[in-house]
Amino acid sequence: MRNDELQLQTVGRALTLLSYLNENEGPHQLRDLASALMMDKAVLHRLLRTMVAHAYVVQDSGTAAYRLGPRARALGRHGDAADLFGIAREPMRELAAKTGCSTFLTLPLLRDTVCVDRVEANTMVRVSYEIGRRLPYHAGAPGKALLAAFSPARRQRTLGDRLLERHTSHTITSRSELDRELVRIGGRGFATSVGEIEDNISGVAAVIYDAAGEPAAALSISGVSVILGEPLFADLGAQLVRAAAAISRDLGAPRRAETDERELPC
């Protein structure tokens, strides 16, 4: 079989898999998918790994089961919400160029978040996360920004009664401390982190809202802490809030869902 025919066959299998997951709400074990789709398990596993890496499919870390991912769901949403990636791309490029920090787009999942797009900084020293990387809500700027924007009911569903896992000595593991942090984030409109997931890595994040006024994604920048330090947080946070608000407007978000830019530092 020629190479182009093999590529078409792979595309066909990927579309078949996405259609099945869309029409049959998960979770699905690998063996069940292979049987339902009549695909070789090894071939299907390679395909799933690729699609998980790009957030078109997600895999439960506990059960190893698969379900349709956030990037695939975004493609099927109506109106402007389906164009989140396209709308956010240019503001992400502008932020990376202006701040010298890598810029990321992170979507909320049920129990954690997932990085779905990135623009790397054009600098010798930069931070980069793989697309598809899962990140906790309670550690790191993107997850905390989303948590602060959630309704109390959604926040409770997201965190449940689970212990807050420690990743570094700076990770927040106390629920009361996390609650205080979320109040601070809500007051200023953006989240910050210093060494919460990885030592010596800092981040700043703001929330993008969809047409329903719900938190749709976190827009963030990340860098090494000696460069991206606390003295820069106020200015960088204001830039992120303005960029996130512009994306939210393009998605049709109601004005009430956006942070009032007049209260932000210049």
C-alpha atoms as a PDB file:
ATOM      1  CA  MET A   1       0.000   0.000   0.000  1.00  0.00           C
ATOM      2  CA  ARG A   2       1.358   3.442  -0.945  1.00  0.00           C
ATOM      3  CA  ASN A   3       2.175   6.011   1.747  1.00  0.00           C
ATOM      4  CA  ASP A   4      -0.656   8.337   0.707  1.00  0.00           C
ATOM      5  CA  GLU A   5      -3.113   5.454   0.907  1.00  0.00           C
ATOM      6  CA  LEU A   6      -1.868   4.611   4.404  1.00  0.00           C
ATOM      7  CA  GLN A   7      -2.346   8.222   5.463  1.00  0.00           C
ATOM      8  CA  LEU A   8      -5.896   8.266   4.114  1.00  0.00           C
ATOM      9  CA  GLN A   9      -6.620   5.020   5.924  1.00  0.00           C
ATOM     10  CA  THR A  10      -5.370   6.547   9.197  1.00  0.00           C
ATOM     11  CA  VAL A  11      -7.528   9.638   8.690  1.00  0.00           C
ATOM     12  CA  GLY A  12     -10.506   7.436   8.001  1.00  0.00           C
ATOM     13  CA  ARG A  13      -9.933   5.459  11.195  1.00  0.00           C
ATOM     14  CA  ALA A  14      -9.574   8.679  13.201  1.00  0.00           C
ATOM     15  CA  LEU A  15     -12.858  10.037  11.852  1.00  0.00           C
ATOM     16  CA  THR A  16     -14.594   6.730  12.532  1.00  0.00           C
ATOM     17  CA  LEU A  17     -13.296   6.769  16.112  1.00  0.00           C
ATOM     18  CA  LEU A  18     -14.399  10.383  16.714  1.00  0.00           C
ATOM     19  CA  SER A  19     -17.846   9.671  15.284  1.00  0.00           C
ATOM     20  CA  TYR A  20     -18.260   6.648  17.527  1.00  0.00           C
ATOM     21  CA  LEU A  21     -17.185   8.512  20.670  1.00  0.00           C
ATOM     22  CA  ASN A  22     -19.479  11.407  19.770  1.00  0.00           C
ATOM     23  CA  GLU A  23     -22.477   9.110  19.270  1.00  0.00           C
ATOM     24  CA  ASN A  24     -21.727   6.822  22.229  1.00  0.00           C
ATOM     25  CA  GLU A  25     -21.016   8.731  25.422  1.00  0.00           C
ATOM     26  CA  GLY A  26     -18.113   7.104  27.268  1.00  0.00           C
ATOM     27  CA  PRO A  27     -16.213   5.875  29.035  1.00  0.00           C
ATOM     28  CA  HIS A  28     -14.952   3.088  26.769  1.00  0.00           C
ATOM     29  CA  GLN A  29     -12.197   0.571  27.423  1.00  0.00           C
ATOM     30  CA  LEU A  30      -9.690  -0.126  24.645  1.00  0.00           C
ATOM     31  CA  ARG A  31     -10.904  -3.695  24.126  1.00  0.00           C
ATOM     32  CA  ASP A  32     -14.525  -2.536  23.791  1.00  0.00           C
ATOM     33  CA  LEU A  33     -13.602   0.139  21.256  1.00  0.00           C
ATOM     34  CA  ALA A  34     -11.546  -2.340  19.233  1.00  0.00           C
ATOM     35  CA  SER A  35     -14.485  -4.740  19.156  1.00  0.00           C
ATOM     36  CA  ALA A  36     -17.082  -2.103  18.307  1.00  0.00           C
ATOM     37  CA  LEU A  37     -14.964  -0.526  15.561  1.00  0.00           C
ATOM     38  CA  MET A  38     -13.462  -3.813  14.356  1.00  0.00           C
ATOM     39  CA  MET A  39      -9.938  -2.395  14.601  1.00  0.00           C
ATOM     40  CA  ASP A  40      -6.710  -4.062  15.675  1.00  0.00           C
ATOM     41  CA  LYS A  41      -6.041  -3.178  19.326  1.00  0.00           C
ATOM     42  CA  ALA A  42      -2.425  -2.161  18.720  1.00  0.00           C
ATOM     43  CA  VAL A  43      -3.370   0.102  15.803  1.00  0.00           C
ATOM     44  CA  LEU A  44      -6.260   1.614  17.763  1.00  0.00           C
ATOM     45  CA  HIS A  45      -4.045   2.190  20.807  1.00  0.00           C
ATOM     46  CA  ARG A  46      -1.523   4.168  18.728  1.00  0.00           C
ATOM     47  CA  LEU A  47      -4.340   6.220  17.246  1.00  0.00           C
ATOM     48  CA  LEU A  48      -5.821   6.914  20.678  1.00  0.00           C
ATOM     49  CA  ARG A  49      -2.443   7.978  22.094  1.00  0.00           C
ATOM     50  CA  THR A  50      -2.090  10.552  19.316  1.00  0.00           C
ATOM     51  CA  MET A  51      -5.609  11.862  19.800  1.00  0.00           C
ATOM     52  CA  VAL A  52      -5.184  12.068  23.583  1.00  0.00           C
ATOM     53  CA  ALA A  53      -1.993  14.102  23.071  1.00  0.00           C
ATOM     54  CA  HIS A  54      -4.001  16.650  21.091  1.00  0.00           C
ATOM     55  CA  ALA A  55      -7.036  16.637  23.453  1.00  0.00           C
ATOM     56  CA  TYR A  56      -9.451  15.200  20.866  1.00  0.00           C
ATOM     57  CA  VAL A  57      -9.801  12.207  23.191  1.00  0.00           C
ATOM     58  CA  VAL A  58      -9.269  12.073  26.956  1.00  0.00           C
ATOM     59  CA  GLN A  59      -8.242   9.062  29.031  1.00  0.00           C
ATOM     60  CA  ASP A  60      -9.228   8.595  32.656  1.00  0.00           C
ATOM     61  CA  SER A  61      -6.072   8.206  34.732  1.00  0.00           C
ATOM     62  CA  GLY A  62      -7.760   5.795  37.107  1.00  0.00           C
ATOM     63  CA  THR A  63      -9.743   3.469  34.824  1.00  0.00           C
ATOM     64  CA  ALA A  64      -7.739   3.985  31.589  1.00  0.00           C
ATOM     65  CA  ALA A  65     -11.078   4.407  29.778  1.00  0.00           C
ATOM     66  CA  TYR A  66     -11.498   6.810  26.863  1.00  0.00           C
ATOM     67  CA  ARG A  67     -14.104   9.424  26.010  1.00  0.00           C
ATOM     68  CA  LEU A  68     -14.500  12.320  23.588  1.00  0.00           C
ATOM     69  CA  GLY A  69     -12.108  15.164  24.423  1.00  0.00           C
ATOM     70  CA  PRO A  70     -12.633  18.917  24.796  1.00  0.00           C
ATOM     71  CA  ARG A  71     -11.047  19.848  21.495  1.00  0.00           C
ATOM     72  CA  ALA A  72     -13.395  17.536  19.603  1.00  0.00           C
ATOM     73  CA  ARG A  73     -16.365  18.878  21.545  1.00  0.00           C
ATOM     74  CA  ALA A  74     -15.350  22.451  20.708  1.00  0.00           C
ATOM     75  CA  LEU A  75     -15.525  21.623  17.013  1.00  0.00           C
ATOM     76  CA  GLY A  76     -19.146  20.622  17.439  1.00  0.00           C
ATOM     77  CA  ARG A  77     -20.345  23.585  19.434  1.00  0.00           C
ATOM     78  CA  HIS A  78     -22.527  26.192  17.815  1.00  0.00           C
ATOM     79  CA  GLY A  79     -21.511  29.649  16.675  1.00  0.00           C
ATOM     80  CA  ASP A  80     -18.488  31.425  18.014  1.00  0.00           C
ATOM     81  CA  ALA A  81     -17.695  28.847  20.704  1.00  0.00           C
ATOM     82  CA  ALA A  82     -16.520  26.444  18.025  1.00  0.00           C
ATOM     83  CA  ASP A  83     -14.008  29.049  16.894  1.00  0.00           C
ATOM     84  CA  LEU A  84     -12.294  29.489  20.253  1.00  0.00           C
ATOM     85  CA  PHE A  85      -8.982  28.199  18.945  1.00  0.00           C
ATOM     86  CA  GLY A  86      -9.045  30.428  15.878  1.00  0.00           C
ATOM     87  CA  ILE A  87     -10.097  33.526  17.819  1.00  0.00           C
ATOM     88  CA  ALA A  88      -7.507  32.997  20.567  1.00  0.00           C
ATOM     89  CA  ARG A  89      -4.578  32.249  18.265  1.00  0.00           C
ATOM     90  CA  GLU A  90      -3.594  35.812  17.283  1.00  0.00           C
ATOM     91  CA  PRO A  91      -3.908  37.252  20.826  1.00  0.00           C
ATOM     92  CA  MET A  92      -1.732  34.369  22.013  1.00  0.00           C
ATOM     93  CA  ARG A  93       0.922  35.241  19.409  1.00  0.00           C
ATOM     94  CA  GLU A  94       0.795  38.895  20.431  1.00  0.00           C
ATOM     95  CA  LEU A  95       1.163  38.049  24.121  1.00  0.00           C
ATOM     96  CA  ALA A  96       4.117  35.752  23.479  1.00  0.00           C
ATOM     97  CA  ALA A  97       5.849  38.413  21.391  1.00  0.00           C
ATOM     98  CA  LYS A  98       5.131  41.262  23.809  1.00  0.00           C
ATOM     99  CA  THR A  99       5.867  39.476  27.091  1.00  0.00           C
ATOM    100  CA  GLY A 100       8.638  37.125  25.968  1.00  0.00           C
ATOM    101  CA  CYS A 101       6.782  34.297  27.724  1.00  0.00           C
ATOM    102  CA  SER A 102       5.157  31.196  26.261  1.00  0.00           C
ATOM    103  CA  THR A 103       1.373  31.517  26.035  1.00  0.00           C
ATOM    104  CA  PHE A 104      -1.130  28.715  26.656  1.00  0.00           C
ATOM    105  CA  LEU A 105      -4.816  27.953  26.206  1.00  0.00           C
ATOM    106  CA  THR A 106      -6.234  25.618  28.862  1.00  0.00           C
ATOM    107  CA  LEU A 107      -9.705  24.063  28.929  1.00  0.00           C
ATOM    108  CA  PRO A 108     -11.614  22.941  32.040  1.00  0.00           C
ATOM    109  CA  LEU A 109     -12.396  19.249  32.438  1.00  0.00           C
ATOM    110  CA  LEU A 110     -14.378  17.519  35.182  1.00  0.00           C
ATOM    111  CA  ARG A 111     -11.507  16.837  37.595  1.00  0.00           C
ATOM    112  CA  ASP A 112      -8.541  18.663  36.048  1.00  0.00           C
ATOM    113  CA  THR A 113      -7.608  20.934  33.149  1.00  0.00           C
ATOM    114  CA  VAL A 114      -5.939  20.260  29.809  1.00  0.00           C
ATOM    115  CA  CYS A 115      -3.568  22.379  27.736  1.00  0.00           C
ATOM    116  CA  VAL A 116      -5.001  22.495  24.204  1.00  0.00           C
ATOM    117  CA  ASP A 117      -2.874  25.106  22.448  1.00  0.00           C
ATOM    118  CA  ARG A 118       0.368  27.018  22.910  1.00  0.00           C
ATOM    119  CA  VAL A 119       2.556  29.688  21.344  1.00  0.00           C
ATOM    120  CA  GLU A 120       6.150  29.436  22.471  1.00  0.00           C
ATOM    121  CA  ALA A 121       8.195  32.522  23.223  1.00  0.00           C
ATOM    122  CA  ASN A 122      10.983  33.334  20.787  1.00  0.00           C
ATOM    123  CA  THR A 123      13.624  33.468  23.519  1.00  0.00           C
ATOM    124  CA  MET A 124      16.617  31.369  24.496  1.00  0.00           C
ATOM    125  CA  VAL A 125      15.080  30.486  27.875  1.00  0.00           C
ATOM    126  CA  ARG A 126      11.394  29.572  27.790  1.00  0.00           C
ATOM    127  CA  VAL A 127       8.838  27.252  29.348  1.00  0.00           C
ATOM    128  CA  SER A 128       6.830  24.831  27.222  1.00  0.00           C
ATOM    129  CA  TYR A 129       4.087  22.339  28.081  1.00  0.00           C
ATOM    130  CA  GLU A 130       2.930  19.644  25.698  1.00  0.00           C
ATOM    131  CA  ILE A 131      -0.515  20.027  24.175  1.00  0.00           C
ATOM    132  CA  GLY A 132      -2.711  17.507  25.958  1.00  0.00           C
ATOM    133  CA  ARG A 133      -0.943  17.879  29.295  1.00  0.00           C
ATOM    134  CA  ARG A 134      -3.353  17.580  32.203  1.00  0.00           C
ATOM    135  CA  LEU A 135      -2.936  20.045  35.055  1.00  0.00           C
ATOM    136  CA  PRO A 136      -4.642  20.251  38.466  1.00  0.00           C
ATOM    137  CA  TYR A 137      -7.118  22.947  39.374  1.00  0.00           C
ATOM    138  CA  HIS A 138      -5.589  23.857  42.722  1.00  0.00           C
ATOM    139  CA  ALA A 139      -1.987  24.343  41.531  1.00  0.00           C
ATOM    140  CA  GLY A 140      -0.842  26.674  38.782  1.00  0.00           C
ATOM    141  CA  ALA A 141      -2.377  29.882  37.468  1.00  0.00           C
ATOM    142  CA  PRO A 142      -4.741  28.456  34.783  1.00  0.00           C
ATOM    143  CA  GLY A 143      -6.528  26.030  37.102  1.00  0.00           C
ATOM    144  CA  LYS A 144      -6.881  28.566  39.914  1.00  0.00           C
ATOM    145  CA  ALA A 145      -8.202  31.204  37.507  1.00  0.00           C
ATOM    146  CA  LEU A 146     -10.891  28.812  36.305  1.00  0.00           C
ATOM    147  CA  LEU A 147     -11.792  27.732  39.846  1.00  0.00           C
ATOM    148  CA  ALA A 148     -12.211  31.360  40.900  1.00  0.00           C
ATOM    149  CA  ALA A 149     -14.562  31.954  37.960  1.00  0.00           C
ATOM    150  CA  PHE A 150     -16.711  28.868  38.626  1.00  0.00           C
ATOM    151  CA  SER A 151     -19.975  29.120  40.523  1.00  0.00           C
ATOM    152  CA  PRO A 152     -19.763  27.743  44.090  1.00  0.00           C
ATOM    153  CA  ALA A 153     -21.729  24.657  43.013  1.00  0.00           C
ATOM    154  CA  ARG A 154     -19.453  23.953  40.059  1.00  0.00           C
ATOM    155  CA  ARG A 155     -16.373  24.505  42.210  1.00  0.00           C
ATOM    156  CA  GLN A 156     -17.641  21.990  44.741  1.00  0.00           C
ATOM    157  CA  ARG A 157     -18.372  19.427  42.003  1.00  0.00           C
ATOM    158  CA  THR A 158     -14.897  19.975  40.587  1.00  0.00           C
ATOM    159  CA  LEU A 159     -12.941  19.633  43.818  1.00  0.00           C
ATOM    160  CA  GLY A 160     -15.257  17.223  45.627  1.00  0.00           C
ATOM    161  CA  ASP A 161     -13.819  15.938  48.890  1.00  0.00           C
ATOM    162  CA  ARG A 162     -10.458  14.943  47.456  1.00  0.00           C
ATOM    163  CA  LEU A 163      -7.194  15.908  49.112  1.00  0.00           C
ATOM    164  CA  LEU A 164      -5.226  18.620  47.325  1.00  0.00           C
ATOM    165  CA  GLU A 165      -2.116  16.881  46.003  1.00  0.00           C
ATOM    166  CA  ARG A 166       1.236  18.475  46.791  1.00  0.00           C
ATOM    167  CA  HIS A 167       3.497  18.967  43.755  1.00  0.00           C
ATOM    168  CA  THR A 168       6.118  21.245  45.310  1.00  0.00           C
ATOM    169  CA  SER A 169       6.693  22.989  48.625  1.00  0.00           C
ATOM    170  CA  HIS A 170       4.679  25.951  47.246  1.00  0.00           C
ATOM    171  CA  THR A 171       1.556  23.987  46.314  1.00  0.00           C
ATOM    172  CA  ILE A 172      -1.599  24.990  48.184  1.00  0.00           C
ATOM    173  CA  THR A 173      -2.889  21.881  49.972  1.00  0.00           C
ATOM    174  CA  SER A 174      -5.249  23.503  52.497  1.00  0.00           C
ATOM    175  CA  ARG A 175      -8.873  24.068  51.452  1.00  0.00           C
ATOM    176  CA  SER A 176      -9.125  27.195  53.596  1.00  0.00           C
ATOM    177  CA  GLU A 177      -5.955  28.635  52.070  1.00  0.00           C
ATOM    178  CA  LEU A 178      -7.234  27.805  48.584  1.00  0.00           C
ATOM    179  CA  ASP A 179     -10.528  29.552  49.357  1.00  0.00           C
ATOM    180  CA  ARG A 180      -8.660  32.694  50.402  1.00  0.00           C
ATOM    181  CA  GLU A 181      -6.550  32.537  47.254  1.00  0.00           C
ATOM    182  CA  LEU A 182      -9.653  32.262  45.061  1.00  0.00           C
ATOM    183  CA  VAL A 183     -11.153  35.341  46.728  1.00  0.00           C
ATOM    184  CA  ARG A 184      -7.960  37.274  45.920  1.00  0.00           C
ATOM    185  CA  ILE A 185      -8.072  36.068  42.318  1.00  0.00           C
ATOM    186  CA  GLY A 186     -11.702  37.100  41.985  1.00  0.00           C
ATOM    187  CA  GLY A 187     -10.891  40.549  43.314  1.00  0.00           C
ATOM    188  CA  ARG A 188      -8.073  41.317  40.876  1.00  0.00           C
ATOM    189  CA  GLY A 189      -9.320  39.334  37.866  1.00  0.00           C
ATOM    190  CA  PHE A 190      -6.283  37.130  37.254  1.00  0.00           C
ATOM    191  CA  ALA A 191      -4.393  34.295  38.932  1.00  0.00           C
ATOM    192  CA  THR A 192      -0.677  33.930  39.602  1.00  0.00           C
ATOM    193  CA  SER A 193       1.555  31.082  40.680  1.00  0.00           C
ATOM    194  CA  VAL A 194       5.185  30.686  41.672  1.00  0.00           C
ATOM    195  CA  GLY A 195       6.628  27.180  41.750  1.00  0.00           C
ATOM    196  CA  GLU A 196       3.286  25.480  42.506  1.00  0.00           C
ATOM    197  CA  ILE A 197       3.576  22.656  39.961  1.00  0.00           C
ATOM    198  CA  GLU A 198       7.276  22.802  39.129  1.00  0.00           C
ATOM    199  CA  ASP A 199       9.957  24.593  41.105  1.00  0.00           C
ATOM    200  CA  ASN A 200      11.176  27.894  39.650  1.00  0.00           C
ATOM    201  CA  ILE A 201       8.303  28.147  37.135  1.00  0.00           C
ATOM    202  CA  SER A 202       5.833  31.032  37.400  1.00  0.00           C
ATOM    203  CA  GLY A 203       2.562  31.738  35.638  1.00  0.00           C
ATOM    204  CA  VAL A 204      -0.212  34.296  35.223  1.00  0.00           C
ATOM    205  CA  ALA A 205      -3.690  33.490  33.876  1.00  0.00           C
ATOM    206  CA  ALA A 206      -7.057  35.067  33.108  1.00  0.00           C
ATOM    207  CA  VAL A 207     -10.372  33.481  32.124  1.00  0.00           C
ATOM    208  CA  ILE A 208     -12.101  33.488  28.736  1.00  0.00           C
ATOM    209  CA  TYR A 209     -15.925  33.341  28.814  1.00  0.00           C
ATOM    210  CA  ASP A 210     -18.267  31.831  26.235  1.00  0.00           C
ATOM    211  CA  ALA A 211     -21.547  33.156  24.813  1.00  0.00           C
ATOM    212  CA  ALA A 212     -23.437  31.791  27.814  1.00  0.00           C
ATOM    213  CA  GLY A 213     -21.178  33.706  30.198  1.00  0.00           C
ATOM    214  CA  GLU A 214     -19.552  30.502  31.447  1.00  0.00           C
ATOM    215  CA  PRO A 215     -15.779  30.029  31.913  1.00  0.00           C
ATOM    216  CA  ALA A 216     -14.621  28.470  28.636  1.00  0.00           C
ATOM    217  CA  ALA A 217     -10.835  28.489  28.978  1.00  0.00           C
ATOM    218  CA  ALA A 218      -7.857  30.021  30.732  1.00  0.00           C
ATOM    219  CA  LEU A 219      -5.392  32.186  28.826  1.00  0.00           C
ATOM    220  CA  SER A 220      -1.992  32.100  30.500  1.00  0.00           C
ATOM    221  CA  ILE A 221       1.681  32.858  30.218  1.00  0.00           C
ATOM    222  CA  SER A 222       4.471  30.925  31.882  1.00  0.00           C
ATOM    223  CA  GLY A 223       8.175  31.453  32.397  1.00  0.00           C
ATOM    224  CA  VAL A 224      11.110  30.800  34.701  1.00  0.00           C
ATOM    225  CA  SER A 225      10.661  32.628  37.984  1.00  0.00           C
ATOM    226  CA  VAL A 226      13.923  34.604  37.751  1.00  0.00           C
ATOM    227  CA  ILE A 227      12.473  36.260  34.624  1.00  0.00           C
ATOM    228  CA  LEU A 228       8.730  36.087  35.291  1.00  0.00           C
ATOM    229  CA  GLY A 229       8.785  37.443  38.825  1.00  0.00           C
ATOM    230  CA  GLU A 230       6.197  38.944  41.169  1.00  0.00           C
ATOM    231  CA  PRO A 231       7.080  42.590  40.343  1.00  0.00           C
ATOM    232  CA  LEU A 232       5.772  41.937  36.815  1.00  0.00           C
ATOM    233  CA  PHE A 233       2.552  40.216  37.833  1.00  0.00           C
ATOM    234  CA  ALA A 234       0.289  43.291  37.979  1.00  0.00           C
ATOM    235  CA  ASP A 235       1.229  44.515  34.501  1.00  0.00           C
ATOM    236  CA  LEU A 236       1.181  41.061  32.926  1.00  0.00           C
ATOM    237  CA  GLY A 237      -2.099  40.237  34.647  1.00  0.00           C
ATOM    238  CA  ALA A 238      -3.674  43.376  33.182  1.00  0.00           C
ATOM    239  CA  GLN A 239      -2.457  42.399  29.705  1.00  0.00           C
ATOM    240  CA  LEU A 240      -3.913  38.908  30.066  1.00  0.00           C
ATOM    241  CA  VAL A 241      -7.258  40.203  31.328  1.00  0.00           C
ATOM    242  CA  ARG A 242      -7.551  42.581  28.369  1.00  0.00           C
ATOM    243  CA  ALA A 243      -6.649  39.827  25.893  1.00  0.00           C
ATOM    244  CA  ALA A 244      -9.049  37.356  27.528  1.00  0.00           C
ATOM    245  CA  ALA A 245     -11.823  39.967  27.547  1.00  0.00           C
ATOM    246  CA  ALA A 246     -11.298  40.654  23.833  1.00  0.00           C
ATOM    247  CA  ILE A 247     -11.500  36.929  23.038  1.00  0.00           C
ATOM    248  CA  SER A 248     -14.613  36.640  25.228  1.00  0.00           C
ATOM    249  CA  ARG A 249     -16.292  39.470  23.315  1.00  0.00           C
ATOM    250  CA  ASP A 250     -15.496  37.769  20.015  1.00  0.00           C
ATOM    251  CA  LEU A 251     -17.088  34.598  21.401  1.00  0.00           C
ATOM    252  CA  GLY A 252     -20.239  36.578  22.210  1.00  0.00           C
ATOM    253  CA  ALA A 253     -19.807  36.655  25.987  1.00  0.00           C
ATOM    254  CA  PRO A 254     -22.154  39.031  27.824  1.00  0.00           C
ATOM    255  CA  ARG A 255     -20.480  42.101  29.224  1.00  0.00           C
ATOM    256  CA  ARG A 256     -21.233  41.071  32.802  1.00  0.00           C
ATOM    257  CA  ALA A 257     -18.945  38.034  32.374  1.00  0.00           C
ATOM    258  CA  GLU A 258     -15.899  40.185  31.719  1.00  0.00           C
ATOM    259  CA  THR A 259     -13.712  41.841  34.336  1.00  0.00           C
ATOM    260  CA  ASP A 260     -14.094  45.613  34.414  1.00  0.00           C
ATOM    261  CA  GLU A 261     -10.858  46.827  32.813  1.00  0.00           C
ATOM    262  CA  ARG A 262     -11.169  50.231  34.479  1.00  0.00           C
ATOM    263  CA  GLU A 263     -10.259  48.617  37.797  1.00  0.00           C
ATOM    264  CA  LEU A 264      -7.099  47.016  36.436  1.00  0.00           C
ATOM    265  CA  PRO A 265      -3.604  48.486  36.874  1.00  0.00           C
ATOM    266  CA  CYS A 266      -2.074  49.990  33.747  1.00  0.00           C
END
